[in-house]
Amino acid sequence: MIGVSPQYTSQKCSACGQIVKKSLSVRTHRCSCGFVANRDHNAAINILRVGLDTLATPVA
């Protein structure tokens, strides 16, 4: 299992990488690039990407 910090993953757009600030009460991620998703779904995509990138990085 790989640990990924969830910090700011719901604010980063999983489509374009732009930071979209929102309060915790805002449940929908809406980015100026046009990507719209539930904030938790957006965060899950970002967490998955970080985990996969970690697995792909060779350990020295």
PDB file of N, CA and C in Angstrom:
ATOM      1  N   MET A   1       0.842  -1.174   0.000  1.00  0.00           N
ATOM      2  CA  MET A   1       0.000   0.000   0.000  1.00  0.00           C
ATOM      3  C   MET A   1       0.890   1.241   0.000  1.00  0.00           C
ATOM      4  N   ILE A   2       0.464   2.247  -0.718  1.00  0.00           N
ATOM      5  CA  ILE A   2       1.197   3.508  -0.811  1.00  0.00           C
ATOM      6  C   ILE A   2       0.371   4.589  -0.141  1.00  0.00           C
ATOM      7  N   GLY A   3       0.990   5.346   0.745  1.00  0.00           N
ATOM      8  CA  GLY A   3       0.307   6.455   1.391  1.00  0.00           C
ATOM      9  C   GLY A   3       0.437   7.714   0.552  1.00  0.00           C
ATOM     10  N   VAL A   4      -0.685   8.387   0.343  1.00  0.00           N
ATOM     11  CA  VAL A   4      -0.701   9.642  -0.411  1.00  0.00           C
ATOM     12  C   VAL A   4      -1.385  10.688   0.453  1.00  0.00           C
ATOM     13  N   SER A   5      -0.743  11.816   0.650  1.00  0.00           N
ATOM     14  CA  SER A   5      -1.345  12.888   1.431  1.00  0.00           C
ATOM     15  C   SER A   5      -2.542  13.455   0.674  1.00  0.00           C
ATOM     16  N   PRO A   6      -3.716  13.514   1.312  1.00  0.00           N
ATOM     17  CA  PRO A   6      -4.897  14.036   0.630  1.00  0.00           C
ATOM     18  C   PRO A   6      -4.959  15.564   0.616  1.00  0.00           C
ATOM     19  N   GLN A   7      -3.981  16.214   1.224  1.00  0.00           N
ATOM     20  CA  GLN A   7      -3.982  17.662   1.346  1.00  0.00           C
ATOM     21  C   GLN A   7      -4.036  18.346  -0.022  1.00  0.00           C
ATOM     22  N   TYR A   8      -5.025  19.202  -0.217  1.00  0.00           N
ATOM     23  CA  TYR A   8      -5.251  20.017  -1.424  1.00  0.00           C
ATOM     24  C   TYR A   8      -5.660  19.217  -2.666  1.00  0.00           C
ATOM     25  N   THR A   9      -5.904  17.912  -2.533  1.00  0.00           N
ATOM     26  CA  THR A   9      -6.245  17.127  -3.723  1.00  0.00           C
ATOM     27  C   THR A   9      -7.617  17.466  -4.277  1.00  0.00           C
ATOM     28  N   SER A  10      -8.513  18.012  -3.455  1.00  0.00           N
ATOM     29  CA  SER A  10      -9.833  18.377  -3.971  1.00  0.00           C
ATOM     30  C   SER A  10      -9.819  19.770  -4.599  1.00  0.00           C
ATOM     31  N   GLN A  11      -8.754  20.531  -4.378  1.00  0.00           N
ATOM     32  CA  GLN A  11      -8.658  21.870  -4.957  1.00  0.00           C
ATOM     33  C   GLN A  11      -7.918  21.883  -6.294  1.00  0.00           C
ATOM     34  N   LYS A  12      -7.072  20.898  -6.516  1.00  0.00           N
ATOM     35  CA  LYS A  12      -6.332  20.823  -7.779  1.00  0.00           C
ATOM     36  C   LYS A  12      -7.219  20.164  -8.834  1.00  0.00           C
ATOM     37  N   CYS A  13      -7.372  20.801  -9.972  1.00  0.00           N
ATOM     38  CA  CYS A  13      -8.193  20.238 -11.050  1.00  0.00           C
ATOM     39  C   CYS A  13      -7.482  19.025 -11.631  1.00  0.00           C
ATOM     40  N   SER A  14      -8.157  17.893 -11.621  1.00  0.00           N
ATOM     41  CA  SER A  14      -7.546  16.668 -12.140  1.00  0.00           C
ATOM     42  C   SER A  14      -7.460  16.670 -13.660  1.00  0.00           C
ATOM     43  N   ALA A  15      -8.122  17.614 -14.311  1.00  0.00           N
ATOM     44  CA  ALA A  15      -8.070  17.702 -15.771  1.00  0.00           C
ATOM     45  C   ALA A  15      -6.921  18.589 -16.257  1.00  0.00           C
ATOM     46  N   CYS A  16      -6.707  19.729 -15.565  1.00  0.00           N
ATOM     47  CA  CYS A  16      -5.704  20.670 -16.081  1.00  0.00           C
ATOM     48  C   CYS A  16      -4.632  21.059 -15.066  1.00  0.00           C
ATOM     49  N   GLY A  17      -4.847  20.739 -13.785  1.00  0.00           N
ATOM     50  CA  GLY A  17      -3.855  21.046 -12.764  1.00  0.00           C
ATOM     51  C   GLY A  17      -4.026  22.386 -12.075  1.00  0.00           C
ATOM     52  N   GLN A  18      -4.969  23.184 -12.526  1.00  0.00           N
ATOM     53  CA  GLN A  18      -5.198  24.495 -11.919  1.00  0.00           C
ATOM     54  C   GLN A  18      -5.746  24.333 -10.508  1.00  0.00           C
ATOM     55  N   ILE A  19      -5.345  25.223  -9.590  1.00  0.00           N
ATOM     56  CA  ILE A  19      -5.873  25.221  -8.230  1.00  0.00           C
ATOM     57  C   ILE A  19      -7.172  26.026  -8.215  1.00  0.00           C
ATOM     58  N   VAL A  20      -8.238  25.390  -7.743  1.00  0.00           N
ATOM     59  CA  VAL A  20      -9.559  26.027  -7.660  1.00  0.00           C
ATOM     60  C   VAL A  20      -9.939  26.044  -6.184  1.00  0.00           C
ATOM     61  N   LYS A  21      -9.718  27.185  -5.531  1.00  0.00           N
ATOM     62  CA  LYS A  21     -10.013  27.314  -4.105  1.00  0.00           C
ATOM     63  C   LYS A  21     -11.512  27.226  -3.875  1.00  0.00           C
ATOM     64  N   LYS A  22     -11.900  26.476  -2.825  1.00  0.00           N
ATOM     65  CA  LYS A  22     -13.304  26.371  -2.457  1.00  0.00           C
ATOM     66  C   LYS A  22     -13.391  26.000  -0.992  1.00  0.00           C
ATOM     67  N   SER A  23     -14.481  26.385  -0.340  1.00  0.00           N
ATOM     68  CA  SER A  23     -14.679  26.008   1.058  1.00  0.00           C
ATOM     69  C   SER A  23     -15.157  24.564   1.119  1.00  0.00           C
ATOM     70  N   LEU A  24     -15.085  23.969   2.305  1.00  0.00           N
ATOM     71  CA  LEU A  24     -15.501  22.575   2.463  1.00  0.00           C
ATOM     72  C   LEU A  24     -16.982  22.368   2.166  1.00  0.00           C
ATOM     73  N   SER A  25     -17.779  23.423   2.284  1.00  0.00           N
ATOM     74  CA  SER A  25     -19.219  23.282   2.025  1.00  0.00           C
ATOM     75  C   SER A  25     -19.530  23.173   0.526  1.00  0.00           C
ATOM     76  N   VAL A  26     -18.596  23.552  -0.327  1.00  0.00           N
ATOM     77  CA  VAL A  26     -18.790  23.452  -1.776  1.00  0.00           C
ATOM     78  C   VAL A  26     -18.429  22.035  -2.197  1.00  0.00           C
ATOM     79  N   ARG A  27     -19.415  21.267  -2.662  1.00  0.00           N
ATOM     80  CA  ARG A  27     -19.227  19.847  -2.953  1.00  0.00           C
ATOM     81  C   ARG A  27     -18.911  19.551  -4.417  1.00  0.00           C
ATOM     82  N   THR A  28     -19.011  20.561  -5.283  1.00  0.00           N
ATOM     83  CA  THR A  28     -18.768  20.356  -6.709  1.00  0.00           C
ATOM     84  C   THR A  28     -17.529  21.124  -7.144  1.00  0.00           C
ATOM     85  N   HIS A  29     -16.618  20.423  -7.793  1.00  0.00           N
ATOM     86  CA  HIS A  29     -15.410  21.046  -8.361  1.00  0.00           C
ATOM     87  C   HIS A  29     -15.783  21.564  -9.751  1.00  0.00           C
ATOM     88  N   ARG A  30     -15.624  22.867  -9.955  1.00  0.00           N
ATOM     89  CA  ARG A  30     -15.875  23.489 -11.260  1.00  0.00           C
ATOM     90  C   ARG A  30     -14.641  24.300 -11.633  1.00  0.00           C
ATOM     91  N   CYS A  31     -14.017  23.917 -12.736  1.00  0.00           N
ATOM     92  CA  CYS A  31     -12.793  24.586 -13.170  1.00  0.00           C
ATOM     93  C   CYS A  31     -13.060  25.420 -14.420  1.00  0.00           C
ATOM     94  N   SER A  32     -12.259  26.449 -14.605  1.00  0.00           N
ATOM     95  CA  SER A  32     -12.402  27.293 -15.795  1.00  0.00           C
ATOM     96  C   SER A  32     -12.065  26.538 -17.080  1.00  0.00           C
ATOM     97  N   CYS A  33     -11.407  25.371 -16.965  1.00  0.00           N
ATOM     98  CA  CYS A  33     -11.110  24.568 -18.160  1.00  0.00           C
ATOM     99  C   CYS A  33     -12.357  23.825 -18.648  1.00  0.00           C
ATOM    100  N   GLY A  34     -13.425  23.847 -17.813  1.00  0.00           N
ATOM    101  CA  GLY A  34     -14.673  23.193 -18.199  1.00  0.00           C
ATOM    102  C   GLY A  34     -14.942  21.892 -17.472  1.00  0.00           C
ATOM    103  N   PHE A  35     -13.956  21.396 -16.703  1.00  0.00           N
ATOM    104  CA  PHE A  35     -14.129  20.138 -15.979  1.00  0.00           C
ATOM    105  C   PHE A  35     -15.016  20.352 -14.762  1.00  0.00           C
ATOM    106  N   VAL A  36     -16.047  19.503 -14.616  1.00  0.00           N
ATOM    107  CA  VAL A  36     -16.958  19.560 -13.480  1.00  0.00           C
ATOM    108  C   VAL A  36     -17.087  18.152 -12.910  1.00  0.00           C
ATOM    109  N   ALA A  37     -16.928  18.031 -11.582  1.00  0.00           N
ATOM    110  CA  ALA A  37     -17.053  16.728 -10.921  1.00  0.00           C
ATOM    111  C   ALA A  37     -17.332  16.959  -9.441  1.00  0.00           C
ATOM    112  N   ASN A  38     -17.823  15.933  -8.778  1.00  0.00           N
ATOM    113  CA  ASN A  38     -17.930  15.960  -7.327  1.00  0.00           C
ATOM    114  C   ASN A  38     -16.527  16.173  -6.780  1.00  0.00           C
ATOM    115  N   ARG A  39     -16.381  16.998  -5.758  1.00  0.00           N
ATOM    116  CA  ARG A  39     -15.037  17.323  -5.254  1.00  0.00           C
ATOM    117  C   ARG A  39     -14.294  16.085  -4.774  1.00  0.00           C
ATOM    118  N   ASP A  40     -15.016  15.087  -4.220  1.00  0.00           N
ATOM    119  CA  ASP A  40     -14.361  13.863  -3.759  1.00  0.00           C
ATOM    120  C   ASP A  40     -13.876  13.009  -4.932  1.00  0.00           C
ATOM    121  N   HIS A  41     -14.631  12.995  -6.014  1.00  0.00           N
ATOM    122  CA  HIS A  41     -14.213  12.266  -7.217  1.00  0.00           C
ATOM    123  C   HIS A  41     -12.955  12.915  -7.796  1.00  0.00           C
ATOM    124  N   ASN A  42     -12.960  14.245  -7.870  1.00  0.00           N
ATOM    125  CA  ASN A  42     -11.792  14.970  -8.362  1.00  0.00           C
ATOM    126  C   ASN A  42     -10.566  14.647  -7.505  1.00  0.00           C
ATOM    127  N   ALA A  43     -10.739  14.652  -6.173  1.00  0.00           N
ATOM    128  CA  ALA A  43      -9.641  14.343  -5.267  1.00  0.00           C
ATOM    129  C   ALA A  43      -9.150  12.911  -5.473  1.00  0.00           C
ATOM    130  N   ALA A  44     -10.077  11.972  -5.661  1.00  0.00           N
ATOM    131  CA  ALA A  44      -9.703  10.572  -5.861  1.00  0.00           C
ATOM    132  C   ALA A  44      -8.858  10.400  -7.115  1.00  0.00           C
ATOM    133  N   ILE A  45      -9.199  11.110  -8.171  1.00  0.00           N
ATOM    134  CA  ILE A  45      -8.407  11.049  -9.410  1.00  0.00           C
ATOM    135  C   ILE A  45      -6.990  11.564  -9.142  1.00  0.00           C
ATOM    136  N   ASN A  46      -6.895  12.679  -8.414  1.00  0.00           N
ATOM    137  CA  ASN A  46      -5.578  13.240  -8.101  1.00  0.00           C
ATOM    138  C   ASN A  46      -4.764  12.305  -7.218  1.00  0.00           C
ATOM    139  N   ILE A  47      -5.394  11.677  -6.217  1.00  0.00           N
ATOM    140  CA  ILE A  47      -4.697  10.750  -5.330  1.00  0.00           C
ATOM    141  C   ILE A  47      -4.220   9.524  -6.117  1.00  0.00           C
ATOM    142  N   LEU A  48      -5.070   9.009  -6.988  1.00  0.00           N
ATOM    143  CA  LEU A  48      -4.686   7.870  -7.823  1.00  0.00           C
ATOM    144  C   LEU A  48      -3.478   8.217  -8.686  1.00  0.00           C
ATOM    145  N   ARG A  49      -3.489   9.381  -9.279  1.00  0.00           N
ATOM    146  CA  ARG A  49      -2.383   9.809 -10.152  1.00  0.00           C
ATOM    147  C   ARG A  49      -1.076   9.890  -9.361  1.00  0.00           C
ATOM    148  N   VAL A  50      -1.120  10.468  -8.161  1.00  0.00           N
ATOM    149  CA  VAL A  50       0.092  10.564  -7.340  1.00  0.00           C
ATOM    150  C   VAL A  50       0.590   9.164  -6.967  1.00  0.00           C
ATOM    151  N   GLY A  51      -0.325   8.271  -6.603  1.00  0.00           N
ATOM    152  CA  GLY A  51       0.059   6.908  -6.261  1.00  0.00           C
ATOM    153  C   GLY A  51       0.695   6.175  -7.425  1.00  0.00           C
ATOM    154  N   LEU A  52       0.101   6.297  -8.598  1.00  0.00           N
ATOM    155  CA  LEU A  52       0.660   5.641  -9.779  1.00  0.00           C
ATOM    156  C   LEU A  52       2.013   6.234 -10.164  1.00  0.00           C
ATOM    157  N   ASP A  53       2.146   7.556 -10.033  1.00  0.00           N
ATOM    158  CA  ASP A  53       3.438   8.190 -10.324  1.00  0.00           C
ATOM    159  C   ASP A  53       4.506   7.714  -9.338  1.00  0.00           C
ATOM    160  N   THR A  54       4.113   7.515  -8.086  1.00  0.00           N
ATOM    161  CA  THR A  54       5.040   7.020  -7.060  1.00  0.00           C
ATOM    162  C   THR A  54       5.509   5.613  -7.415  1.00  0.00           C
ATOM    163  N   LEU A  55       4.587   4.784  -7.847  1.00  0.00           N
ATOM    164  CA  LEU A  55       4.948   3.407  -8.231  1.00  0.00           C
ATOM    165  C   LEU A  55       5.884   3.384  -9.432  1.00  0.00           C
ATOM    166  N   ALA A  56       5.723   4.331 -10.339  1.00  0.00           N
ATOM    167  CA  ALA A  56       6.516   4.365 -11.559  1.00  0.00           C
ATOM    168  C   ALA A  56       7.905   4.956 -11.350  1.00  0.00           C
ATOM    169  N   THR A  57       8.128   5.611 -10.207  1.00  0.00           N
ATOM    170  CA  THR A  57       9.407   6.249  -9.931  1.00  0.00           C
ATOM    171  C   THR A  57      10.383   5.229  -9.355  1.00  0.00           C
ATOM    172  N   PRO A  58      11.525   5.028 -10.011  1.00  0.00           N
ATOM    173  CA  PRO A  58      12.510   4.071  -9.492  1.00  0.00           C
ATOM    174  C   PRO A  58      13.098   4.553  -8.177  1.00  0.00           C
ATOM    175  N   VAL A  59      13.312   3.635  -7.257  1.00  0.00           N
ATOM    176  CA  VAL A  59      13.909   3.964  -5.959  1.00  0.00           C
ATOM    177  C   VAL A  59      15.425   3.813  -6.086  1.00  0.00           C
ATOM    178  N   ALA A  60      16.136   4.837  -5.666  1.00  0.00           N
ATOM    179  CA  ALA A  60      17.602   4.835  -5.777  1.00  0.00           C
ATOM    180  C   ALA A  60      18.246   4.132  -4.630  1.00  0.00           C
TER     181      ALA A  60
END
